[in-house]
PDB file of N, CA and C in Angstrom:
ATOM      1  N   UNK A   1     -65.882  -4.563 -73.901  1.00  0.00           N
ATOM      2  CA  UNK A   1     -65.020  -5.139 -72.912  1.00  0.00           C
ATOM      3  C   UNK A   1     -65.599  -5.153 -71.548  1.00  0.00           C
ATOM      4  N   UNK A   2     -65.649  -6.305 -70.896  1.00  0.00           N
ATOM      5  CA  UNK A   2     -66.347  -6.271 -69.629  1.00  0.00           C
ATOM      6  C   UNK A   2     -65.505  -5.609 -68.562  1.00  0.00           C
ATOM      7  N   UNK A   3     -66.177  -4.987 -67.640  1.00  0.00           N
ATOM      8  CA  UNK A   3     -65.474  -4.337 -66.530  1.00  0.00           C
ATOM      9  C   UNK A   3     -65.041  -5.441 -65.527  1.00  0.00           C
ATOM     10  N   UNK A   4     -64.260  -5.052 -64.581  1.00  0.00           N
ATOM     11  CA  UNK A   4     -63.758  -6.066 -63.610  1.00  0.00           C
ATOM     12  C   UNK A   4     -64.734  -6.905 -62.940  1.00  0.00           C
ATOM     13  N   UNK A   5     -65.843  -6.313 -62.512  1.00  0.00           N
ATOM     14  CA  UNK A   5     -66.893  -7.088 -61.783  1.00  0.00           C
ATOM     15  C   UNK A   5     -67.456  -8.069 -62.804  1.00  0.00           C
ATOM     16  N   UNK A   6     -67.758  -7.633 -63.992  1.00  0.00           N
ATOM     17  CA  UNK A   6     -68.345  -8.520 -64.993  1.00  0.00           C
ATOM     18  C   UNK A   6     -67.325  -9.754 -65.332  1.00  0.00           C
ATOM     19  N   UNK A   7     -66.082  -9.361 -65.435  1.00  0.00           N
ATOM     20  CA  UNK A   7     -65.067 -10.390 -65.726  1.00  0.00           C
ATOM     21  C   UNK A   7     -64.983 -11.426 -64.546  1.00  0.00           C
ATOM     22  N   UNK A   8     -65.048 -10.961 -63.363  1.00  0.00           N
ATOM     23  CA  UNK A   8     -65.036 -11.903 -62.191  1.00  0.00           C
ATOM     24  C   UNK A   8     -66.261 -12.848 -62.321  1.00  0.00           C
ATOM     25  N   UNK A   9     -67.454 -12.293 -62.636  1.00  0.00           N
ATOM     26  CA  UNK A   9     -68.662 -13.152 -62.817  1.00  0.00           C
ATOM     27  C   UNK A   9     -68.507 -14.138 -63.870  1.00  0.00           C
ATOM     28  N   UNK A  10     -67.949 -13.746 -64.945  1.00  0.00           N
ATOM     29  CA  UNK A  10     -67.694 -14.605 -66.130  1.00  0.00           C
ATOM     30  C   UNK A  10     -66.750 -15.772 -65.738  1.00  0.00           C
ATOM     31  N   UNK A  11     -65.740 -15.444 -64.997  1.00  0.00           N
ATOM     32  CA  UNK A  11     -64.737 -16.483 -64.608  1.00  0.00           C
ATOM     33  C   UNK A  11     -65.348 -17.397 -63.674  1.00  0.00           C
ATOM     34  N   UNK A  12     -66.167 -16.961 -62.677  1.00  0.00           N
ATOM     35  CA  UNK A  12     -66.844 -17.785 -61.748  1.00  0.00           C
ATOM     36  C   UNK A  12     -67.809 -18.781 -62.429  1.00  0.00           C
ATOM     37  N   UNK A  13     -68.572 -18.196 -63.374  1.00  0.00           N
ATOM     38  CA  UNK A  13     -69.520 -19.016 -64.186  1.00  0.00           C
ATOM     39  C   UNK A  13     -68.789 -20.088 -64.961  1.00  0.00           C
ATOM     40  N   UNK A  14     -67.669 -19.685 -65.632  1.00  0.00           N
ATOM     41  CA  UNK A  14     -66.866 -20.696 -66.354  1.00  0.00           C
ATOM     42  C   UNK A  14     -66.349 -21.915 -65.432  1.00  0.00           C
ATOM     43  N   UNK A  15     -65.908 -21.523 -64.242  1.00  0.00           N
ATOM     44  CA  UNK A  15     -65.500 -22.556 -63.324  1.00  0.00           C
ATOM     45  C   UNK A  15     -66.651 -23.543 -62.994  1.00  0.00           C
ATOM     46  N   UNK A  16     -67.788 -22.956 -62.714  1.00  0.00           N
ATOM     47  CA  UNK A  16     -68.972 -23.757 -62.380  1.00  0.00           C
ATOM     48  C   UNK A  16     -69.287 -24.682 -63.568  1.00  0.00           C
ATOM     49  N   UNK A  17     -69.309 -24.113 -64.735  1.00  0.00           N
ATOM     50  CA  UNK A  17     -69.634 -24.923 -65.970  1.00  0.00           C
ATOM     51  C   UNK A  17     -68.600 -26.002 -66.246  1.00  0.00           C
ATOM     52  N   UNK A  18     -67.385 -25.768 -66.077  1.00  0.00           N
ATOM     53  CA  UNK A  18     -66.356 -26.808 -66.213  1.00  0.00           C
ATOM     54  C   UNK A  18     -66.508 -27.972 -65.219  1.00  0.00           C
ATOM     55  N   UNK A  19     -66.761 -27.546 -64.003  1.00  0.00           N
ATOM     56  CA  UNK A  19     -67.063 -28.666 -62.987  1.00  0.00           C
ATOM     57  C   UNK A  19     -68.345 -29.382 -63.239  1.00  0.00           C
ATOM     58  N   UNK A  20     -69.372 -28.690 -63.696  1.00  0.00           N
ATOM     59  CA  UNK A  20     -70.635 -29.356 -63.953  1.00  0.00           C
ATOM     60  C   UNK A  20     -70.481 -30.273 -65.229  1.00  0.00           C
ATOM     61  N   UNK A  21     -69.752 -29.787 -66.241  1.00  0.00           N
ATOM     62  CA  UNK A  21     -69.567 -30.662 -67.367  1.00  0.00           C
ATOM     63  C   UNK A  21     -68.705 -31.933 -67.085  1.00  0.00           C
ATOM     64  N   UNK A  22     -67.639 -31.760 -66.300  1.00  0.00           N
ATOM     65  CA  UNK A  22     -66.891 -32.945 -65.985  1.00  0.00           C
ATOM     66  C   UNK A  22     -67.733 -33.970 -65.175  1.00  0.00           C
ATOM     67  N   UNK A  23     -68.569 -33.513 -64.237  1.00  0.00           N
ATOM     68  CA  UNK A  23     -69.382 -34.385 -63.379  1.00  0.00           C
ATOM     69  C   UNK A  23     -70.587 -34.969 -64.149  1.00  0.00           C
ATOM     70  N   UNK A  24     -71.004 -34.401 -65.243  1.00  0.00           N
ATOM     71  CA  UNK A  24     -72.154 -34.813 -65.862  1.00  0.00           C
ATOM     72  C   UNK A  24     -71.986 -35.165 -67.348  1.00  0.00           C
ATOM     73  N   UNK A  25     -70.872 -35.372 -67.783  1.00  0.00           N
ATOM     74  CA  UNK A  25     -70.607 -35.693 -69.226  1.00  0.00           C
ATOM     75  C   UNK A  25     -71.503 -36.891 -69.696  1.00  0.00           C
ATOM     76  N   UNK A  26     -71.421 -37.985 -69.010  1.00  0.00           N
ATOM     77  CA  UNK A  26     -72.208 -39.176 -69.353  1.00  0.00           C
ATOM     78  C   UNK A  26     -73.671 -38.893 -69.351  1.00  0.00           C
ATOM     79  N   UNK A  27     -74.220 -38.192 -68.345  1.00  0.00           N
ATOM     80  CA  UNK A  27     -75.595 -37.763 -68.386  1.00  0.00           C
ATOM     81  C   UNK A  27     -76.015 -37.004 -69.631  1.00  0.00           C
ATOM     82  N   UNK A  28     -75.087 -36.070 -70.085  1.00  0.00           N
ATOM     83  CA  UNK A  28     -75.354 -35.304 -71.294  1.00  0.00           C
ATOM     84  C   UNK A  28     -75.400 -36.194 -72.515  1.00  0.00           C
ATOM     85  N   UNK A  29     -74.374 -37.154 -72.487  1.00  0.00           N
ATOM     86  CA  UNK A  29     -74.360 -38.137 -73.660  1.00  0.00           C
ATOM     87  C   UNK A  29     -75.568 -39.069 -73.667  1.00  0.00           C
ATOM     88  N   UNK A  30     -75.969 -39.487 -72.562  1.00  0.00           N
ATOM     89  CA  UNK A  30     -77.176 -40.392 -72.527  1.00  0.00           C
ATOM     90  C   UNK A  30     -78.367 -39.594 -72.950  1.00  0.00           C
ATOM     91  N   UNK A  31     -78.506 -38.376 -72.488  1.00  0.00           N
ATOM     92  CA  UNK A  31     -79.677 -37.613 -72.932  1.00  0.00           C
ATOM     93  C   UNK A  31     -79.669 -37.377 -74.444  1.00  0.00           C
ATOM     94  N   UNK A  32     -78.462 -37.036 -75.048  1.00  0.00           N
ATOM     95  CA  UNK A  32     -78.313 -36.881 -76.471  1.00  0.00           C
ATOM     96  C   UNK A  32     -78.698 -38.205 -77.190  1.00  0.00           C
ATOM     97  N   UNK A  33     -78.190 -39.379 -76.698  1.00  0.00           N
ATOM     98  CA  UNK A  33     -78.457 -40.592 -77.362  1.00  0.00           C
ATOM     99  C   UNK A  33     -79.935 -40.952 -77.370  1.00  0.00           C
ATOM    100  N   UNK A  34     -80.560 -40.639 -76.254  1.00  0.00           N
ATOM    101  CA  UNK A  34     -82.118 -40.915 -76.086  1.00  0.00           C
ATOM    102  C   UNK A  34     -82.823 -39.944 -77.101  1.00  0.00           C
ATOM    103  N   UNK A  35     -82.485 -38.746 -77.196  1.00  0.00           N
ATOM    104  CA  UNK A  35     -83.051 -37.874 -78.081  1.00  0.00           C
ATOM    105  C   UNK A  35     -82.916 -38.257 -79.545  1.00  0.00           C
ATOM    106  N   UNK A  36     -81.649 -38.605 -79.926  1.00  0.00           N
ATOM    107  CA  UNK A  36     -81.341 -39.050 -81.247  1.00  0.00           C
ATOM    108  C   UNK A  36     -82.195 -40.272 -81.553  1.00  0.00           C
ATOM    109  N   UNK A  37     -82.222 -41.240 -80.679  1.00  0.00           N
ATOM    110  CA  UNK A  37     -82.924 -42.498 -81.047  1.00  0.00           C
ATOM    111  C   UNK A  37     -84.417 -42.258 -81.122  1.00  0.00           C
ATOM    112  N   UNK A  38     -84.937 -41.335 -80.353  1.00  0.00           N
ATOM    113  CA  UNK A  38     -86.374 -41.100 -80.349  1.00  0.00           C
ATOM    114  C   UNK A  38     -86.867 -40.050 -81.376  1.00  0.00           C
ATOM    115  N   UNK A  39     -86.031 -39.126 -81.773  1.00  0.00           N
ATOM    116  CA  UNK A  39     -86.498 -38.018 -82.643  1.00  0.00           C
ATOM    117  C   UNK A  39     -85.632 -37.852 -83.887  1.00  0.00           C
ATOM    118  N   UNK A  40     -84.449 -38.424 -83.978  1.00  0.00           N
ATOM    119  CA  UNK A  40     -83.671 -38.140 -85.133  1.00  0.00           C
ATOM    120  C   UNK A  40     -83.128 -39.400 -85.740  1.00  0.00           C
ATOM    121  N   UNK A  41     -83.811 -40.454 -85.604  1.00  0.00           N
ATOM    122  CA  UNK A  41     -83.338 -41.745 -86.070  1.00  0.00           C
ATOM    123  C   UNK A  41     -82.917 -41.811 -87.539  1.00  0.00           C
ATOM    124  N   UNK A  42     -83.467 -40.942 -88.333  1.00  0.00           N
ATOM    125  CA  UNK A  42     -83.243 -40.861 -89.716  1.00  0.00           C
ATOM    126  C   UNK A  42     -81.758 -40.547 -90.000  1.00  0.00           C
ATOM    127  N   UNK A  43     -81.128 -39.956 -89.048  1.00  0.00           N
ATOM    128  CA  UNK A  43     -79.665 -39.585 -89.237  1.00  0.00           C
ATOM    129  C   UNK A  43     -78.752 -40.843 -88.974  1.00  0.00           C
ATOM    130  N   UNK A  44     -79.220 -41.858 -88.303  1.00  0.00           N
ATOM    131  CA  UNK A  44     -78.368 -42.990 -88.027  1.00  0.00           C
ATOM    132  C   UNK A  44     -78.082 -43.800 -89.304  1.00  0.00           C
ATOM    133  N   UNK A  45     -76.832 -43.969 -89.597  1.00  0.00           N
ATOM    134  CA  UNK A  45     -76.469 -44.600 -90.853  1.00  0.00           C
ATOM    135  C   UNK A  45     -75.679 -45.976 -90.538  1.00  0.00           C
ATOM    136  N   UNK A  46     -75.318 -46.119 -89.302  1.00  0.00           N
ATOM    137  CA  UNK A  46     -74.506 -47.344 -88.999  1.00  0.00           C
ATOM    138  C   UNK A  46     -75.435 -48.375 -88.426  1.00  0.00           C
ATOM    139  N   UNK A  47     -75.870 -49.244 -89.359  1.00  0.00           N
ATOM    140  CA  UNK A  47     -76.737 -50.367 -88.929  1.00  0.00           C
ATOM    141  C   UNK A  47     -78.153 -49.894 -88.575  1.00  0.00           C
ATOM    142  N   UNK A  48     -79.042 -50.787 -88.447  1.00  0.00           N
ATOM    143  CA  UNK A  48     -80.385 -50.374 -88.121  1.00  0.00           C
ATOM    144  C   UNK A  48     -80.654 -50.532 -86.569  1.00  0.00           C
ATOM    145  N   UNK A  49     -79.863 -51.205 -85.800  1.00  0.00           N
ATOM    146  CA  UNK A  49     -80.068 -51.350 -84.392  1.00  0.00           C
ATOM    147  C   UNK A  49     -78.817 -50.870 -83.715  1.00  0.00           C
ATOM    148  N   UNK A  50     -79.046 -49.877 -82.805  1.00  0.00           N
ATOM    149  CA  UNK A  50     -78.000 -49.341 -81.945  1.00  0.00           C
ATOM    150  C   UNK A  50     -78.726 -48.943 -80.599  1.00  0.00           C
ATOM    151  N   UNK A  51     -78.043 -49.372 -79.548  1.00  0.00           N
ATOM    152  CA  UNK A  51     -78.614 -49.044 -78.284  1.00  0.00           C
ATOM    153  C   UNK A  51     -78.226 -47.660 -77.794  1.00  0.00           C
ATOM    154  N   UNK A  52     -78.991 -47.178 -76.879  1.00  0.00           N
ATOM    155  CA  UNK A  52     -78.693 -45.908 -76.203  1.00  0.00           C
ATOM    156  C   UNK A  52     -77.287 -45.932 -75.583  1.00  0.00           C
ATOM    157  N   UNK A  53     -77.026 -47.018 -74.914  1.00  0.00           N
ATOM    158  CA  UNK A  53     -75.711 -47.251 -74.233  1.00  0.00           C
ATOM    159  C   UNK A  53     -74.550 -47.094 -75.300  1.00  0.00           C
ATOM    160  N   UNK A  54     -74.709 -47.837 -76.308  1.00  0.00           N
ATOM    161  CA  UNK A  54     -73.565 -47.871 -77.396  1.00  0.00           C
ATOM    162  C   UNK A  54     -73.429 -46.492 -77.986  1.00  0.00           C
ATOM    163  N   UNK A  55     -74.445 -45.824 -78.321  1.00  0.00           N
ATOM    164  CA  UNK A  55     -74.381 -44.497 -78.801  1.00  0.00           C
ATOM    165  C   UNK A  55     -73.696 -43.531 -77.839  1.00  0.00           C
ATOM    166  N   UNK A  56     -74.158 -43.578 -76.585  1.00  0.00           N
ATOM    167  CA  UNK A  56     -73.603 -42.652 -75.572  1.00  0.00           C
ATOM    168  C   UNK A  56     -72.122 -42.918 -75.312  1.00  0.00           C
ATOM    169  N   UNK A  57     -71.730 -44.182 -75.374  1.00  0.00           N
ATOM    170  CA  UNK A  57     -70.384 -44.583 -75.105  1.00  0.00           C
ATOM    171  C   UNK A  57     -69.339 -44.267 -76.221  1.00  0.00           C
ATOM    172  N   UNK A  58     -69.934 -44.268 -77.438  1.00  0.00           N
ATOM    173  CA  UNK A  58     -69.077 -43.922 -78.615  1.00  0.00           C
ATOM    174  C   UNK A  58     -68.987 -42.390 -78.970  1.00  0.00           C
ATOM    175  N   UNK A  59     -69.810 -41.553 -78.353  1.00  0.00           N
ATOM    176  CA  UNK A  59     -69.727 -40.052 -78.491  1.00  0.00           C
ATOM    177  C   UNK A  59     -68.598 -39.622 -77.717  1.00  0.00           C
ATOM    178  N   UNK A  60     -67.944 -38.540 -78.231  1.00  0.00           N
ATOM    179  CA  UNK A  60     -67.090 -37.759 -77.410  1.00  0.00           C
ATOM    180  C   UNK A  60     -67.164 -36.250 -77.656  1.00  0.00           C
ATOM    181  N   UNK A  61     -66.820 -35.511 -76.726  1.00  0.00           N
ATOM    182  CA  UNK A  61     -67.002 -34.112 -76.795  1.00  0.00           C
ATOM    183  C   UNK A  61     -65.876 -33.465 -77.718  1.00  0.00           C
ATOM    184  N   UNK A  62     -66.335 -32.611 -78.610  1.00  0.00           N
ATOM    185  CA  UNK A  62     -65.337 -31.909 -79.455  1.00  0.00           C
ATOM    186  C   UNK A  62     -65.141 -30.480 -79.018  1.00  0.00           C
ATOM    187  N   UNK A  63     -66.286 -29.832 -78.560  1.00  0.00           N
ATOM    188  CA  UNK A  63     -66.172 -28.533 -78.163  1.00  0.00           C
ATOM    189  C   UNK A  63     -67.328 -28.075 -77.403  1.00  0.00           C
ATOM    190  N   UNK A  64     -67.357 -26.928 -76.753  1.00  0.00           N
ATOM    191  CA  UNK A  64     -68.513 -26.378 -76.069  1.00  0.00           C
ATOM    192  C   UNK A  64     -68.421 -24.904 -76.101  1.00  0.00           C
ATOM    193  N   UNK A  65     -69.595 -24.266 -76.011  1.00  0.00           N
ATOM    194  CA  UNK A  65     -69.684 -22.787 -75.963  1.00  0.00           C
ATOM    195  C   UNK A  65     -70.540 -22.457 -74.823  1.00  0.00           C
ATOM    196  N   UNK A  66     -70.111 -21.259 -74.250  1.00  0.00           N
ATOM    197  CA  UNK A  66     -70.880 -20.832 -73.086  1.00  0.00           C
ATOM    198  C   UNK A  66     -71.730 -19.647 -73.577  1.00  0.00           C
ATOM    199  N   UNK A  67     -73.026 -19.711 -73.241  1.00  0.00           N
ATOM    200  CA  UNK A  67     -73.998 -18.684 -73.527  1.00  0.00           C
ATOM    201  C   UNK A  67     -73.985 -17.599 -72.370  1.00  0.00           C
ATOM    202  N   UNK A  68     -75.023 -16.797 -72.433  1.00  0.00           N
ATOM    203  CA  UNK A  68     -75.213 -15.831 -71.353  1.00  0.00           C
ATOM    204  C   UNK A  68     -75.452 -16.593 -70.009  1.00  0.00           C
ATOM    205  N   UNK A  69     -74.961 -15.991 -68.982  1.00  0.00           N
ATOM    206  CA  UNK A  69     -75.241 -16.575 -67.680  1.00  0.00           C
ATOM    207  C   UNK A  69     -74.489 -17.891 -67.615  1.00  0.00           C
ATOM    208  N   UNK A  70     -75.266 -18.975 -67.207  1.00  0.00           N
ATOM    209  CA  UNK A  70     -74.563 -20.267 -66.997  1.00  0.00           C
ATOM    210  C   UNK A  70     -75.097 -21.296 -68.015  1.00  0.00           C
ATOM    211  N   UNK A  71     -75.772 -20.932 -69.094  1.00  0.00           N
ATOM    212  CA  UNK A  71     -76.088 -21.932 -70.106  1.00  0.00           C
ATOM    213  C   UNK A  71     -74.934 -22.183 -71.039  1.00  0.00           C
ATOM    214  N   UNK A  72     -74.928 -23.368 -71.586  1.00  0.00           N
ATOM    215  CA  UNK A  72     -73.871 -23.766 -72.483  1.00  0.00           C
ATOM    216  C   UNK A  72     -74.384 -24.772 -73.481  1.00  0.00           C
ATOM    217  N   UNK A  73     -73.593 -24.942 -74.553  1.00  0.00           N
ATOM    218  CA  UNK A  73     -73.946 -25.922 -75.639  1.00  0.00           C
ATOM    219  C   UNK A  73     -72.782 -26.831 -75.750  1.00  0.00           C
ATOM    220  N   UNK A  74     -72.957 -28.102 -75.951  1.00  0.00           N
ATOM    221  CA  UNK A  74     -71.973 -29.160 -76.106  1.00  0.00           C
ATOM    222  C   UNK A  74     -71.998 -29.668 -77.507  1.00  0.00           C
ATOM    223  N   UNK A  75     -70.813 -29.871 -78.082  1.00  0.00           N
ATOM    224  CA  UNK A  75     -70.762 -30.455 -79.493  1.00  0.00           C
ATOM    225  C   UNK A  75     -70.100 -31.784 -79.370  1.00  0.00           C
ATOM    226  N   UNK A  76     -70.797 -32.866 -79.683  1.00  0.00           N
ATOM    227  CA  UNK A  76     -70.220 -34.251 -79.547  1.00  0.00           C
ATOM    228  C   UNK A  76     -69.988 -34.849 -80.921  1.00  0.00           C
ATOM    229  N   UNK A  77     -68.824 -35.542 -81.091  1.00  0.00           N
ATOM    230  CA  UNK A  77     -68.553 -36.230 -82.320  1.00  0.00           C
ATOM    231  C   UNK A  77     -69.366 -37.578 -82.198  1.00  0.00           C
ATOM    232  N   UNK A  78     -70.058 -37.960 -83.269  1.00  0.00           N
ATOM    233  CA  UNK A  78     -70.931 -39.079 -83.335  1.00  0.00           C
ATOM    234  C   UNK A  78     -70.177 -40.448 -83.655  1.00  0.00           C
ATOM    235  N   UNK A  79     -68.898 -40.421 -83.932  1.00  0.00           N
ATOM    236  CA  UNK A  79     -68.163 -41.574 -84.175  1.00  0.00           C
ATOM    237  C   UNK A  79     -68.688 -42.218 -85.449  1.00  0.00           C
ATOM    238  N   UNK A  80     -69.157 -41.523 -86.355  1.00  0.00           N
ATOM    239  CA  UNK A  80     -69.707 -42.071 -87.594  1.00  0.00           C
ATOM    240  C   UNK A  80     -71.167 -42.663 -87.575  1.00  0.00           C
ATOM    241  N   UNK A  81     -71.722 -42.704 -86.471  1.00  0.00           N
ATOM    242  CA  UNK A  81     -73.039 -43.363 -86.300  1.00  0.00           C
ATOM    243  C   UNK A  81     -74.101 -42.671 -87.022  1.00  0.00           C
ATOM    244  N   UNK A  82     -73.941 -41.261 -86.981  1.00  0.00           N
ATOM    245  CA  UNK A  82     -75.033 -40.466 -87.684  1.00  0.00           C
ATOM    246  C   UNK A  82     -74.365 -39.796 -88.904  1.00  0.00           C
ATOM    247  N   UNK A  83     -73.483 -40.548 -89.541  1.00  0.00           N
ATOM    248  CA  UNK A  83     -72.919 -39.964 -90.767  1.00  0.00           C
ATOM    249  C   UNK A  83     -71.970 -38.820 -90.521  1.00  0.00           C
ATOM    250  N   UNK A  84     -71.238 -38.909 -89.403  1.00  0.00           N
ATOM    251  CA  UNK A  84     -70.234 -37.976 -89.014  1.00  0.00           C
ATOM    252  C   UNK A  84     -70.785 -36.515 -88.814  1.00  0.00           C
ATOM    253  N   UNK A  85     -72.032 -36.526 -88.338  1.00  0.00           N
ATOM    254  CA  UNK A  85     -72.628 -35.283 -88.012  1.00  0.00           C
ATOM    255  C   UNK A  85     -72.232 -34.917 -86.519  1.00  0.00           C
ATOM    256  N   UNK A  86     -72.321 -33.652 -86.111  1.00  0.00           N
ATOM    257  CA  UNK A  86     -72.122 -33.250 -84.759  1.00  0.00           C
ATOM    258  C   UNK A  86     -73.482 -33.364 -84.083  1.00  0.00           C
ATOM    259  N   UNK A  87     -73.419 -33.951 -82.843  1.00  0.00           N
ATOM    260  CA  UNK A  87     -74.714 -33.952 -82.014  1.00  0.00           C
ATOM    261  C   UNK A  87     -74.494 -32.866 -81.010  1.00  0.00           C
ATOM    262  N   UNK A  88     -75.356 -31.887 -81.044  1.00  0.00           N
ATOM    263  CA  UNK A  88     -75.345 -30.755 -80.197  1.00  0.00           C
ATOM    264  C   UNK A  88     -76.282 -30.943 -78.987  1.00  0.00           C
ATOM    265  N   UNK A  89     -75.891 -30.636 -77.793  1.00  0.00           N
ATOM    266  CA  UNK A  89     -76.712 -30.691 -76.622  1.00  0.00           C
ATOM    267  C   UNK A  89     -76.781 -29.337 -76.028  1.00  0.00           C
ATOM    268  N   UNK A  90     -77.909 -28.952 -75.734  1.00  0.00           N
ATOM    269  CA  UNK A  90     -78.089 -27.544 -75.095  1.00  0.00           C
ATOM    270  C   UNK A  90     -78.431 -27.763 -73.616  1.00  0.00           C
ATOM    271  N   UNK A  91     -77.680 -27.014 -72.833  1.00  0.00           N
ATOM    272  CA  UNK A  91     -77.897 -27.065 -71.276  1.00  0.00           C
ATOM    273  C   UNK A  91     -78.327 -25.696 -70.804  1.00  0.00           C
ATOM    274  N   UNK A  92     -79.364 -25.749 -70.036  1.00  0.00           N
ATOM    275  CA  UNK A  92     -79.922 -24.410 -69.553  1.00  0.00           C
ATOM    276  C   UNK A  92     -79.117 -23.949 -68.289  1.00  0.00           C
ATOM    277  N   UNK A  93     -79.518 -22.809 -67.785  1.00  0.00           N
ATOM    278  CA  UNK A  93     -78.816 -22.161 -66.759  1.00  0.00           C
ATOM    279  C   UNK A  93     -78.849 -22.943 -65.388  1.00  0.00           C
ATOM    280  N   UNK A  94     -79.792 -23.922 -65.300  1.00  0.00           N
ATOM    281  CA  UNK A  94     -79.818 -24.665 -64.112  1.00  0.00           C
ATOM    282  C   UNK A  94     -78.924 -26.003 -64.313  1.00  0.00           C
ATOM    283  N   UNK A  95     -78.365 -26.099 -65.462  1.00  0.00           N
ATOM    284  CA  UNK A  95     -77.412 -27.230 -65.764  1.00  0.00           C
ATOM    285  C   UNK A  95     -78.135 -28.464 -66.211  1.00  0.00           C
ATOM    286  N   UNK A  96     -79.363 -28.371 -66.617  1.00  0.00           N
ATOM    287  CA  UNK A  96     -80.085 -29.404 -67.208  1.00  0.00           C
ATOM    288  C   UNK A  96     -80.110 -29.439 -68.690  1.00  0.00           C
ATOM    289  N   UNK A  97     -79.881 -30.586 -69.292  1.00  0.00           N
ATOM    290  CA  UNK A  97     -80.006 -30.637 -70.817  1.00  0.00           C
ATOM    291  C   UNK A  97     -81.448 -30.339 -71.205  1.00  0.00           C
ATOM    292  N   UNK A  98     -81.536 -29.521 -72.272  1.00  0.00           N
ATOM    293  CA  UNK A  98     -82.842 -28.997 -72.684  1.00  0.00           C
ATOM    294  C   UNK A  98     -83.129 -29.100 -74.079  1.00  0.00           C
ATOM    295  N   UNK A  99     -82.192 -29.697 -74.867  1.00  0.00           N
ATOM    296  CA  UNK A  99     -82.449 -29.980 -76.277  1.00  0.00           C
ATOM    297  C   UNK A  99     -81.255 -30.536 -77.002  1.00  0.00           C
ATOM    298  N   UNK A 100     -81.544 -31.142 -78.132  1.00  0.00           N
ATOM    299  CA  UNK A 100     -80.512 -31.778 -79.022  1.00  0.00           C
ATOM    300  C   UNK A 100     -80.747 -31.334 -80.389  1.00  0.00           C
ATOM    301  N   UNK A 101     -79.686 -31.231 -81.143  1.00  0.00           N
ATOM    302  CA  UNK A 101     -79.876 -31.004 -82.588  1.00  0.00           C
ATOM    303  C   UNK A 101     -78.658 -31.767 -83.292  1.00  0.00           C
ATOM    304  N   UNK A 102     -78.912 -32.102 -84.499  1.00  0.00           N
ATOM    305  CA  UNK A 102     -77.898 -32.656 -85.329  1.00  0.00           C
ATOM    306  C   UNK A 102     -77.391 -31.634 -86.318  1.00  0.00           C
ATOM    307  N   UNK A 103     -76.063 -31.372 -86.269  1.00  0.00           N
ATOM    308  CA  UNK A 103     -75.486 -30.346 -87.143  1.00  0.00           C
ATOM    309  C   UNK A 103     -74.543 -31.016 -88.200  1.00  0.00           C
ATOM    310  N   UNK A 104     -74.423 -30.358 -89.177  1.00  0.00           N
ATOM    311  CA  UNK A 104     -73.410 -30.801 -90.263  1.00  0.00           C
ATOM    312  C   UNK A 104     -74.021 -31.553 -91.355  1.00  0.00           C
TER     313      UNK A 104
END
């Protein structure tokens, strides 16, 4: 159980993460779409041609988890484009996307 000082820090980090997520959701989706199109194309099942913009616009956030400090992971629904897999985006403590994985 965190002590009161730790709890205050956790709450402040969570507020920053929520604000950052709200302000940068499309940036994170575009990053994910670019990574999927460049490195995970084998997962795409809906047609052979899809643009980064179409993929980014059709994704929506399902959940996120906060790591230690200010890092967090986002789980996006792929709207069936990648066979109903979850597209995970990893965000570092500086708030920059730093990786993508396909789950499910």
